[in-house]
Structure formats: structure tokens, C-alpha cells
Amino acid sequence: MTMLNRSSPSADPGVALTKEEAVLLDRLVLDKPAAHEPQKTLDAYLIKIARLGGYLARASDPPPGNMVMWRGLSRLTDIKLGAMLALDGLVGN
């Protein structure tokens, strides 16, 4: 993912994420305030995954590395599993 992002940051996020994952990221990780419409690019979604993994996304920070991406993807997988269970009504019955 990190290499794909470095070669094609403006690519469609569908090349690396499912639609469900993109929706979860949009709801969980708020976009930073900007003067324009939030971007829906691969780069924007991978930064959101990295932020789940502890990346601070400051202006002076280097691009997220493999470790922080791995932590973010692990959290996203757990969140996705929990959302799927909740939608199926398996939690709380």
C-alpha cells in the first residue's frame, strides 16, 4: 500500500480498499479542516489508515511507514469486524 501510494497518490481508493472500508474510514477519521472539498484519493485514505495506527499527519512528518500502516490496518480490520457483527445483529442477542 505504501509503495502504491508513493507511485500513484491520486489513484482511486478502490484499488486498495473495499467500499465498506472507505465508508468506515470516512466516519471514524475526520478530514483535517481545509478550504476545499475533502479529497477522495488513495493518498487521503491511506493517511486515514495511518492515523488509526498512530501517525500524527503533521506538515513536517515524513510519509507513513510500513509499521504504522500495519497497526492502522489491524485496527481497521477489527473495527470492520465489529461493524459487521453489529449490523448482523450478532452482538447483544
PDB file of N, CA and C in Angstrom:
ATOM      1  N   MET A   1       0.820  -1.198   0.000  1.00  0.00           N
ATOM      2  CA  MET A   1       0.000   0.000   0.000  1.00  0.00           C
ATOM      3  C   MET A   1       0.861   1.258   0.000  1.00  0.00           C
ATOM      4  N   THR A   2       1.907   1.260   0.826  1.00  0.00           N
ATOM      5  CA  THR A   2       2.738   2.457   0.884  1.00  0.00           C
ATOM      6  C   THR A   2       3.436   2.704  -0.446  1.00  0.00           C
ATOM      7  N   MET A   3       3.892   1.655  -1.090  1.00  0.00           N
ATOM      8  CA  MET A   3       4.563   1.814  -2.386  1.00  0.00           C
ATOM      9  C   MET A   3       3.574   2.242  -3.468  1.00  0.00           C
ATOM     10  N   LEU A   4       2.379   1.690  -3.447  1.00  0.00           N
ATOM     11  CA  LEU A   4       1.349   2.089  -4.403  1.00  0.00           C
ATOM     12  C   LEU A   4       1.008   3.560  -4.210  1.00  0.00           C
ATOM     13  N   ASN A   5       0.901   3.994  -2.965  1.00  0.00           N
ATOM     14  CA  ASN A   5       0.599   5.383  -2.665  1.00  0.00           C
ATOM     15  C   ASN A   5       1.709   6.306  -3.150  1.00  0.00           C
ATOM     16  N   ARG A   6       2.955   5.885  -3.006  1.00  0.00           N
ATOM     17  CA  ARG A   6       4.064   6.732  -3.437  1.00  0.00           C
ATOM     18  C   ARG A   6       4.151   6.845  -4.952  1.00  0.00           C
ATOM     19  N   SER A   7       3.697   5.829  -5.664  1.00  0.00           N
ATOM     20  CA  SER A   7       3.753   5.893  -7.128  1.00  0.00           C
ATOM     21  C   SER A   7       2.504   6.535  -7.737  1.00  0.00           C
ATOM     22  N   SER A   8       1.344   6.373  -7.096  1.00  0.00           N
ATOM     23  CA  SER A   8       0.083   6.912  -7.634  1.00  0.00           C
ATOM     24  C   SER A   8      -0.798   7.455  -6.512  1.00  0.00           C
ATOM     25  N   PRO A   9      -0.419   8.566  -5.892  1.00  0.00           N
ATOM     26  CA  PRO A   9      -1.210   9.077  -4.763  1.00  0.00           C
ATOM     27  C   PRO A   9      -2.614   9.542  -5.128  1.00  0.00           C
ATOM     28  N   SER A  10      -2.834   9.916  -6.380  1.00  0.00           N
ATOM     29  CA  SER A  10      -4.166  10.402  -6.763  1.00  0.00           C
ATOM     30  C   SER A  10      -5.051   9.294  -7.328  1.00  0.00           C
ATOM     31  N   ALA A  11      -4.637   8.043  -7.165  1.00  0.00           N
ATOM     32  CA  ALA A  11      -5.420   6.912  -7.673  1.00  0.00           C
ATOM     33  C   ALA A  11      -6.734   6.775  -6.901  1.00  0.00           C
ATOM     34  N   ASP A  12      -7.652   6.049  -7.494  1.00  0.00           N
ATOM     35  CA  ASP A  12      -8.926   5.750  -6.850  1.00  0.00           C
ATOM     36  C   ASP A  12      -8.675   4.864  -5.631  1.00  0.00           C
ATOM     37  N   PRO A  13      -9.308   5.139  -4.489  1.00  0.00           N
ATOM     38  CA  PRO A  13      -9.076   4.315  -3.300  1.00  0.00           C
ATOM     39  C   PRO A  13      -9.549   2.875  -3.461  1.00  0.00           C
ATOM     40  N   GLY A  14     -10.367   2.607  -4.462  1.00  0.00           N
ATOM     41  CA  GLY A  14     -10.861   1.256  -4.700  1.00  0.00           C
ATOM     42  C   GLY A  14      -9.779   0.269  -5.090  1.00  0.00           C
ATOM     43  N   VAL A  15      -8.606   0.752  -5.471  1.00  0.00           N
ATOM     44  CA  VAL A  15      -7.526  -0.169  -5.821  1.00  0.00           C
ATOM     45  C   VAL A  15      -6.941  -0.841  -4.586  1.00  0.00           C
ATOM     46  N   ALA A  16      -7.152  -0.273  -3.413  1.00  0.00           N
ATOM     47  CA  ALA A  16      -6.583  -0.840  -2.183  1.00  0.00           C
ATOM     48  C   ALA A  16      -7.616  -1.116  -1.098  1.00  0.00           C
ATOM     49  N   LEU A  17      -8.787  -0.497  -1.197  1.00  0.00           N
ATOM     50  CA  LEU A  17      -9.794  -0.610  -0.137  1.00  0.00           C
ATOM     51  C   LEU A  17     -11.138  -1.035  -0.699  1.00  0.00           C
ATOM     52  N   THR A  18     -11.904  -1.732   0.141  1.00  0.00           N
ATOM     53  CA  THR A  18     -13.280  -2.024  -0.233  1.00  0.00           C
ATOM     54  C   THR A  18     -14.139  -0.797   0.044  1.00  0.00           C
ATOM     55  N   LYS A  19     -15.331  -0.789  -0.497  1.00  0.00           N
ATOM     56  CA  LYS A  19     -16.244   0.337  -0.267  1.00  0.00           C
ATOM     57  C   LYS A  19     -16.582   0.464   1.224  1.00  0.00           C
ATOM     58  N   GLU A  20     -16.761  -0.671   1.887  1.00  0.00           N
ATOM     59  CA  GLU A  20     -17.079  -0.668   3.321  1.00  0.00           C
ATOM     60  C   GLU A  20     -15.945  -0.048   4.131  1.00  0.00           C
ATOM     61  N   GLU A  21     -14.712  -0.386   3.778  1.00  0.00           N
ATOM     62  CA  GLU A  21     -13.562   0.172   4.493  1.00  0.00           C
ATOM     63  C   GLU A  21     -13.484   1.684   4.295  1.00  0.00           C
ATOM     64  N   ALA A  22     -13.749   2.146   3.082  1.00  0.00           N
ATOM     65  CA  ALA A  22     -13.730   3.584   2.814  1.00  0.00           C
ATOM     66  C   ALA A  22     -14.810   4.308   3.614  1.00  0.00           C
ATOM     67  N   VAL A  23     -15.991   3.726   3.694  1.00  0.00           N
ATOM     68  CA  VAL A  23     -17.077   4.344   4.463  1.00  0.00           C
ATOM     69  C   VAL A  23     -16.716   4.394   5.948  1.00  0.00           C
ATOM     70  N   LEU A  24     -16.166   3.301   6.476  1.00  0.00           N
ATOM     71  CA  LEU A  24     -15.744   3.289   7.879  1.00  0.00           C
ATOM     72  C   LEU A  24     -14.684   4.347   8.145  1.00  0.00           C
ATOM     73  N   LEU A  25     -13.710   4.474   7.260  1.00  0.00           N
ATOM     74  CA  LEU A  25     -12.661   5.473   7.439  1.00  0.00           C
ATOM     75  C   LEU A  25     -13.226   6.885   7.402  1.00  0.00           C
ATOM     76  N   ASP A  26     -14.190   7.128   6.515  1.00  0.00           N
ATOM     77  CA  ASP A  26     -14.817   8.453   6.451  1.00  0.00           C
ATOM     78  C   ASP A  26     -15.535   8.795   7.750  1.00  0.00           C
ATOM     79  N   ARG A  27     -16.138   7.800   8.386  1.00  0.00           N
ATOM     80  CA  ARG A  27     -16.880   8.044   9.627  1.00  0.00           C
ATOM     81  C   ARG A  27     -15.968   8.114  10.846  1.00  0.00           C
ATOM     82  N   LEU A  28     -14.879   7.348  10.840  1.00  0.00           N
ATOM     83  CA  LEU A  28     -14.004   7.260  12.009  1.00  0.00           C
ATOM     84  C   LEU A  28     -12.943   8.356  12.076  1.00  0.00           C
ATOM     85  N   VAL A  29     -12.333   8.643  10.962  1.00  0.00           N
ATOM     86  CA  VAL A  29     -11.214   9.583  10.927  1.00  0.00           C
ATOM     87  C   VAL A  29     -11.666  10.820  10.165  1.00  0.00           C
ATOM     88  N   LEU A  30     -11.851  11.884  10.892  1.00  0.00           N
ATOM     89  CA  LEU A  30     -12.328  13.114  10.270  1.00  0.00           C
ATOM     90  C   LEU A  30     -11.227  13.744   9.439  1.00  0.00           C
ATOM     91  N   ASP A  31     -11.624  14.353   8.321  1.00  0.00           N
ATOM     92  CA  ASP A  31     -10.666  15.061   7.476  1.00  0.00           C
ATOM     93  C   ASP A  31     -10.186  16.305   8.207  1.00  0.00           C
ATOM     94  N   LYS A  32      -8.937  16.668   7.942  1.00  0.00           N
ATOM     95  CA  LYS A  32      -8.404  17.899   8.525  1.00  0.00           C
ATOM     96  C   LYS A  32      -9.127  19.080   7.894  1.00  0.00           C
ATOM     97  N   PRO A  33      -9.356  20.150   8.674  1.00  0.00           N
ATOM     98  CA  PRO A  33     -10.050  21.310   8.115  1.00  0.00           C
ATOM     99  C   PRO A  33      -9.292  21.883   6.915  1.00  0.00           C
ATOM    100  N   ALA A  34     -10.014  22.139   5.861  1.00  0.00           N
ATOM    101  CA  ALA A  34      -9.413  22.704   4.651  1.00  0.00           C
ATOM    102  C   ALA A  34     -10.414  23.640   3.987  1.00  0.00           C
ATOM    103  N   ALA A  35      -9.917  24.449   3.103  1.00  0.00           N
ATOM    104  CA  ALA A  35     -10.778  25.423   2.431  1.00  0.00           C
ATOM    105  C   ALA A  35     -11.569  24.800   1.288  1.00  0.00           C
ATOM    106  N   HIS A  36     -11.261  23.552   0.943  1.00  0.00           N
ATOM    107  CA  HIS A  36     -11.924  22.920  -0.190  1.00  0.00           C
ATOM    108  C   HIS A  36     -12.538  21.582   0.216  1.00  0.00           C
ATOM    109  N   GLU A  37     -13.205  20.962  -0.734  1.00  0.00           N
ATOM    110  CA  GLU A  37     -13.860  19.665  -0.518  1.00  0.00           C
ATOM    111  C   GLU A  37     -12.831  18.597  -0.131  1.00  0.00           C
ATOM    112  N   PRO A  38     -13.151  17.727   0.841  1.00  0.00           N
ATOM    113  CA  PRO A  38     -12.214  16.651   1.194  1.00  0.00           C
ATOM    114  C   PRO A  38     -11.898  15.768  -0.010  1.00  0.00           C
ATOM    115  N   GLN A  39     -10.642  15.337  -0.089  1.00  0.00           N
ATOM    116  CA  GLN A  39     -10.211  14.518  -1.213  1.00  0.00           C
ATOM    117  C   GLN A  39     -10.633  13.076  -1.011  1.00  0.00           C
ATOM    118  N   LYS A  40     -10.959  12.427  -2.090  1.00  0.00           N
ATOM    119  CA  LYS A  40     -11.315  11.012  -2.075  1.00  0.00           C
ATOM    120  C   LYS A  40     -10.282  10.236  -2.890  1.00  0.00           C
ATOM    121  N   THR A  41      -9.013  10.453  -2.577  1.00  0.00           N
ATOM    122  CA  THR A  41      -7.932   9.792  -3.301  1.00  0.00           C
ATOM    123  C   THR A  41      -7.325   8.695  -2.430  1.00  0.00           C
ATOM    124  N   LEU A  42      -6.525   7.857  -3.050  1.00  0.00           N
ATOM    125  CA  LEU A  42      -5.823   6.804  -2.317  1.00  0.00           C
ATOM    126  C   LEU A  42      -4.967   7.408  -1.222  1.00  0.00           C
ATOM    127  N   ASP A  43      -4.277   8.490  -1.519  1.00  0.00           N
ATOM    128  CA  ASP A  43      -3.418   9.146  -0.538  1.00  0.00           C
ATOM    129  C   ASP A  43      -4.205   9.567   0.699  1.00  0.00           C
ATOM    130  N   ALA A  44      -5.365  10.159   0.513  1.00  0.00           N
ATOM    131  CA  ALA A  44      -6.180  10.622   1.640  1.00  0.00           C
ATOM    132  C   ALA A  44      -6.623   9.455   2.523  1.00  0.00           C
ATOM    133  N   TYR A  45      -7.020   8.349   1.906  1.00  0.00           N
ATOM    134  CA  TYR A  45      -7.471   7.194   2.686  1.00  0.00           C
ATOM    135  C   TYR A  45      -6.309   6.488   3.386  1.00  0.00           C
ATOM    136  N   LEU A  46      -5.149   6.442   2.759  1.00  0.00           N
ATOM    137  CA  LEU A  46      -4.008   5.805   3.417  1.00  0.00           C
ATOM    138  C   LEU A  46      -3.515   6.643   4.585  1.00  0.00           C
ATOM    139  N   ILE A  47      -3.641   7.950   4.499  1.00  0.00           N
ATOM    140  CA  ILE A  47      -3.318   8.798   5.655  1.00  0.00           C
ATOM    141  C   ILE A  47      -4.308   8.514   6.787  1.00  0.00           C
ATOM    142  N   LYS A  48      -5.567   8.296   6.456  1.00  0.00           N
ATOM    143  CA  LYS A  48      -6.557   7.960   7.487  1.00  0.00           C
ATOM    144  C   LYS A  48      -6.210   6.635   8.159  1.00  0.00           C
ATOM    145  N   ILE A  49      -5.782   5.641   7.376  1.00  0.00           N
ATOM    146  CA  ILE A  49      -5.364   4.358   7.953  1.00  0.00           C
ATOM    147  C   ILE A  49      -4.154   4.575   8.842  1.00  0.00           C
ATOM    148  N   ALA A  50      -3.206   5.366   8.379  1.00  0.00           N
ATOM    149  CA  ALA A  50      -2.006   5.638   9.169  1.00  0.00           C
ATOM    150  C   ALA A  50      -2.363   6.357  10.467  1.00  0.00           C
ATOM    151  N   ARG A  51      -3.345   7.260  10.418  1.00  0.00           N
ATOM    152  CA  ARG A  51      -3.767   7.955  11.640  1.00  0.00           C
ATOM    153  C   ARG A  51      -4.387   6.978  12.638  1.00  0.00           C
ATOM    154  N   LEU A  52      -5.074   5.943  12.150  1.00  0.00           N
ATOM    155  CA  LEU A  52      -5.572   4.897  13.057  1.00  0.00           C
ATOM    156  C   LEU A  52      -4.414   4.171  13.735  1.00  0.00           C
ATOM    157  N   GLY A  53      -3.268   4.110  13.050  1.00  0.00           N
ATOM    158  CA  GLY A  53      -2.093   3.434  13.578  1.00  0.00           C
ATOM    159  C   GLY A  53      -1.183   4.314  14.397  1.00  0.00           C
ATOM    160  N   GLY A  54      -1.557   5.572  14.603  1.00  0.00           N
ATOM    161  CA  GLY A  54      -0.770   6.457  15.449  1.00  0.00           C
ATOM    162  C   GLY A  54      -0.032   7.563  14.715  1.00  0.00           C
ATOM    163  N   TYR A  55      -0.137   7.614  13.415  1.00  0.00           N
ATOM    164  CA  TYR A  55       0.521   8.663  12.632  1.00  0.00           C
ATOM    165  C   TYR A  55      -0.165   9.993  12.917  1.00  0.00           C
ATOM    166  N   LEU A  56       0.608  11.042  13.157  1.00  0.00           N
ATOM    167  CA  LEU A  56       0.030  12.333  13.528  1.00  0.00           C
ATOM    168  C   LEU A  56      -0.307  13.222  12.343  1.00  0.00           C
ATOM    169  N   ALA A  57       0.277  12.954  11.179  1.00  0.00           N
ATOM    170  CA  ALA A  57      -0.002  13.684   9.941  1.00  0.00           C
ATOM    171  C   ALA A  57       0.270  15.182  10.065  1.00  0.00           C
ATOM    172  N   ARG A  58       1.377  15.518  10.724  1.00  0.00           N
ATOM    173  CA  ARG A  58       1.775  16.927  10.798  1.00  0.00           C
ATOM    174  C   ARG A  58       2.465  17.307   9.498  1.00  0.00           C
ATOM    175  N   ALA A  59       2.547  18.587   9.230  1.00  0.00           N
ATOM    176  CA  ALA A  59       3.135  19.061   7.973  1.00  0.00           C
ATOM    177  C   ALA A  59       4.593  18.636   7.825  1.00  0.00           C
ATOM    178  N   SER A  60       5.314  18.537   8.918  1.00  0.00           N
ATOM    179  CA  SER A  60       6.742  18.202   8.844  1.00  0.00           C
ATOM    180  C   SER A  60       7.017  16.701   8.934  1.00  0.00           C
ATOM    181  N   ASP A  61       6.003  15.878   9.096  1.00  0.00           N
ATOM    182  CA  ASP A  61       6.198  14.434   9.223  1.00  0.00           C
ATOM    183  C   ASP A  61       6.487  13.796   7.868  1.00  0.00           C
ATOM    184  N   PRO A  62       7.376  12.794   7.852  1.00  0.00           N
ATOM    185  CA  PRO A  62       7.594  12.050   6.605  1.00  0.00           C
ATOM    186  C   PRO A  62       6.372  11.190   6.294  1.00  0.00           C
ATOM    187  N   PRO A  63       6.298  10.625   5.096  1.00  0.00           N
ATOM    188  CA  PRO A  63       5.161   9.746   4.783  1.00  0.00           C
ATOM    189  C   PRO A  63       5.118   8.564   5.750  1.00  0.00           C
ATOM    190  N   PRO A  64       3.925   8.038   6.019  1.00  0.00           N
ATOM    191  CA  PRO A  64       3.827   6.916   6.959  1.00  0.00           C
ATOM    192  C   PRO A  64       4.573   5.695   6.442  1.00  0.00           C
ATOM    193  N   GLY A  65       5.157   4.964   7.371  1.00  0.00           N
ATOM    194  CA  GLY A  65       5.907   3.767   7.011  1.00  0.00           C
ATOM    195  C   GLY A  65       5.075   2.505   7.154  1.00  0.00           C
ATOM    196  N   ASN A  66       5.733   1.382   6.940  1.00  0.00           N
ATOM    197  CA  ASN A  66       5.043   0.093   6.947  1.00  0.00           C
ATOM    198  C   ASN A  66       4.493  -0.275   8.325  1.00  0.00           C
ATOM    199  N   MET A  67       5.225   0.033   9.388  1.00  0.00           N
ATOM    200  CA  MET A  67       4.785  -0.349  10.738  1.00  0.00           C
ATOM    201  C   MET A  67       3.499   0.382  11.130  1.00  0.00           C
ATOM    202  N   VAL A  68       3.457   1.681  10.909  1.00  0.00           N
ATOM    203  CA  VAL A  68       2.263   2.443  11.277  1.00  0.00           C
ATOM    204  C   VAL A  68       1.080   2.051  10.391  1.00  0.00           C
ATOM    205  N   MET A  69       1.348   1.714   9.125  1.00  0.00           N
ATOM    206  CA  MET A  69       0.279   1.244   8.244  1.00  0.00           C
ATOM    207  C   MET A  69      -0.251  -0.110   8.721  1.00  0.00           C
ATOM    208  N   TRP A  70       0.640  -0.969   9.154  1.00  0.00           N
ATOM    209  CA  TRP A  70       0.226  -2.280   9.655  1.00  0.00           C
ATOM    210  C   TRP A  70      -0.662  -2.119  10.892  1.00  0.00           C
ATOM    211  N   ARG A  71      -0.257  -1.238  11.807  1.00  0.00           N
ATOM    212  CA  ARG A  71      -1.075  -1.012  13.008  1.00  0.00           C
ATOM    213  C   ARG A  71      -2.441  -0.443  12.629  1.00  0.00           C
ATOM    214  N   GLY A  72      -2.468   0.491  11.687  1.00  0.00           N
ATOM    215  CA  GLY A  72      -3.732   1.078  11.247  1.00  0.00           C
ATOM    216  C   GLY A  72      -4.633   0.068  10.568  1.00  0.00           C
ATOM    217  N   LEU A  73      -4.056  -0.772   9.724  1.00  0.00           N
ATOM    218  CA  LEU A  73      -4.854  -1.811   9.059  1.00  0.00           C
ATOM    219  C   LEU A  73      -5.392  -2.831  10.051  1.00  0.00           C
ATOM    220  N   SER A  74      -4.600  -3.146  11.070  1.00  0.00           N
ATOM    221  CA  SER A  74      -5.076  -4.072  12.113  1.00  0.00           C
ATOM    222  C   SER A  74      -6.276  -3.486  12.841  1.00  0.00           C
ATOM    223  N   ARG A  75      -6.199  -2.213  13.176  1.00  0.00           N
ATOM    224  CA  ARG A  75      -7.336  -1.565  13.846  1.00  0.00           C
ATOM    225  C   ARG A  75      -8.547  -1.494  12.931  1.00  0.00           C
ATOM    226  N   LEU A  76      -8.313  -1.167  11.643  1.00  0.00           N
ATOM    227  CA  LEU A  76      -9.424  -1.085  10.697  1.00  0.00           C
ATOM    228  C   LEU A  76     -10.097  -2.440  10.530  1.00  0.00           C
ATOM    229  N   THR A  77      -9.327  -3.504  10.499  1.00  0.00           N
ATOM    230  CA  THR A  77      -9.891  -4.849  10.375  1.00  0.00           C
ATOM    231  C   THR A  77     -10.757  -5.175  11.588  1.00  0.00           C
ATOM    232  N   ASP A  78     -10.278  -4.847  12.781  1.00  0.00           N
ATOM    233  CA  ASP A  78     -11.061  -5.091  13.996  1.00  0.00           C
ATOM    234  C   ASP A  78     -12.349  -4.267  14.005  1.00  0.00           C
ATOM    235  N   ILE A  79     -12.254  -3.024  13.583  1.00  0.00           N
ATOM    236  CA  ILE A  79     -13.428  -2.151  13.546  1.00  0.00           C
ATOM    237  C   ILE A  79     -14.434  -2.668  12.519  1.00  0.00           C
ATOM    238  N   LYS A  80     -13.932  -3.099  11.361  1.00  0.00           N
ATOM    239  CA  LYS A  80     -14.815  -3.624  10.316  1.00  0.00           C
ATOM    240  C   LYS A  80     -15.529  -4.878  10.793  1.00  0.00           C
ATOM    241  N   LEU A  81     -14.809  -5.759  11.476  1.00  0.00           N
ATOM    242  CA  LEU A  81     -15.418  -6.970  12.020  1.00  0.00           C
ATOM    243  C   LEU A  81     -16.504  -6.623  13.034  1.00  0.00           C
ATOM    244  N   GLY A  82     -16.219  -5.674  13.915  1.00  0.00           N
ATOM    245  CA  GLY A  82     -17.220  -5.247  14.895  1.00  0.00           C
ATOM    246  C   GLY A  82     -18.450  -4.641  14.246  1.00  0.00           C
ATOM    247  N   ALA A  83     -18.239  -3.838  13.200  1.00  0.00           N
ATOM    248  CA  ALA A  83     -19.379  -3.227  12.490  1.00  0.00           C
ATOM    249  C   ALA A  83     -20.217  -4.289  11.795  1.00  0.00           C
ATOM    250  N   MET A  84     -19.557  -5.280  11.205  1.00  0.00           N
ATOM    251  CA  MET A  84     -20.292  -6.350  10.529  1.00  0.00           C
ATOM    252  C   MET A  84     -21.117  -7.152  11.532  1.00  0.00           C
ATOM    253  N   LEU A  85     -20.533  -7.443  12.689  1.00  0.00           N
ATOM    254  CA  LEU A  85     -21.279  -8.178  13.714  1.00  0.00           C
ATOM    255  C   LEU A  85     -22.460  -7.372  14.227  1.00  0.00           C
ATOM    256  N   ALA A  86     -22.261  -6.081  14.423  1.00  0.00           N
ATOM    257  CA  ALA A  86     -23.341  -5.245  14.917  1.00  0.00           C
ATOM    258  C   ALA A  86     -24.479  -5.148  13.900  1.00  0.00           C
ATOM    259  N   LEU A  87     -24.126  -5.031  12.621  1.00  0.00           N
ATOM    260  CA  LEU A  87     -25.157  -4.943  11.577  1.00  0.00           C
ATOM    261  C   LEU A  87     -25.921  -6.244  11.408  1.00  0.00           C
ATOM    262  N   ASP A  88     -25.259  -7.361  11.643  1.00  0.00           N
ATOM    263  CA  ASP A  88     -25.920  -8.658  11.523  1.00  0.00           C
ATOM    264  C   ASP A  88     -26.757  -9.007  12.752  1.00  0.00           C
ATOM    265  N   GLY A  89     -26.676  -8.175  13.782  1.00  0.00           N
ATOM    266  CA  GLY A  89     -27.452  -8.423  14.990  1.00  0.00           C
ATOM    267  C   GLY A  89     -26.876  -9.518  15.867  1.00  0.00           C
ATOM    268  N   LEU A  90     -25.593  -9.863  15.674  1.00  0.00           N
ATOM    269  CA  LEU A  90     -24.997 -10.912  16.476  1.00  0.00           C
ATOM    270  C   LEU A  90     -24.501 -10.413  17.817  1.00  0.00           C
ATOM    271  N   VAL A  91     -24.383  -9.122  17.981  1.00  0.00           N
ATOM    272  CA  VAL A  91     -23.927  -8.550  19.240  1.00  0.00           C
ATOM    273  C   VAL A  91     -25.146  -8.124  20.051  1.00  0.00           C
ATOM    274  N   GLY A  92     -25.192  -8.513  21.274  1.00  0.00           N
ATOM    275  CA  GLY A  92     -26.284  -8.091  22.154  1.00  0.00           C
ATOM    276  C   GLY A  92     -27.493  -8.989  22.164  1.00  0.00           C
ATOM    277  N   ASN A  93     -27.466 -10.084  21.454  1.00  0.00           N
ATOM    278  CA  ASN A  93     -28.610 -11.014  21.459  1.00  0.00           C
ATOM    279  C   ASN A  93     -28.394 -12.119  22.446  1.00  0.00           C
TER     280      ASN A  93
END
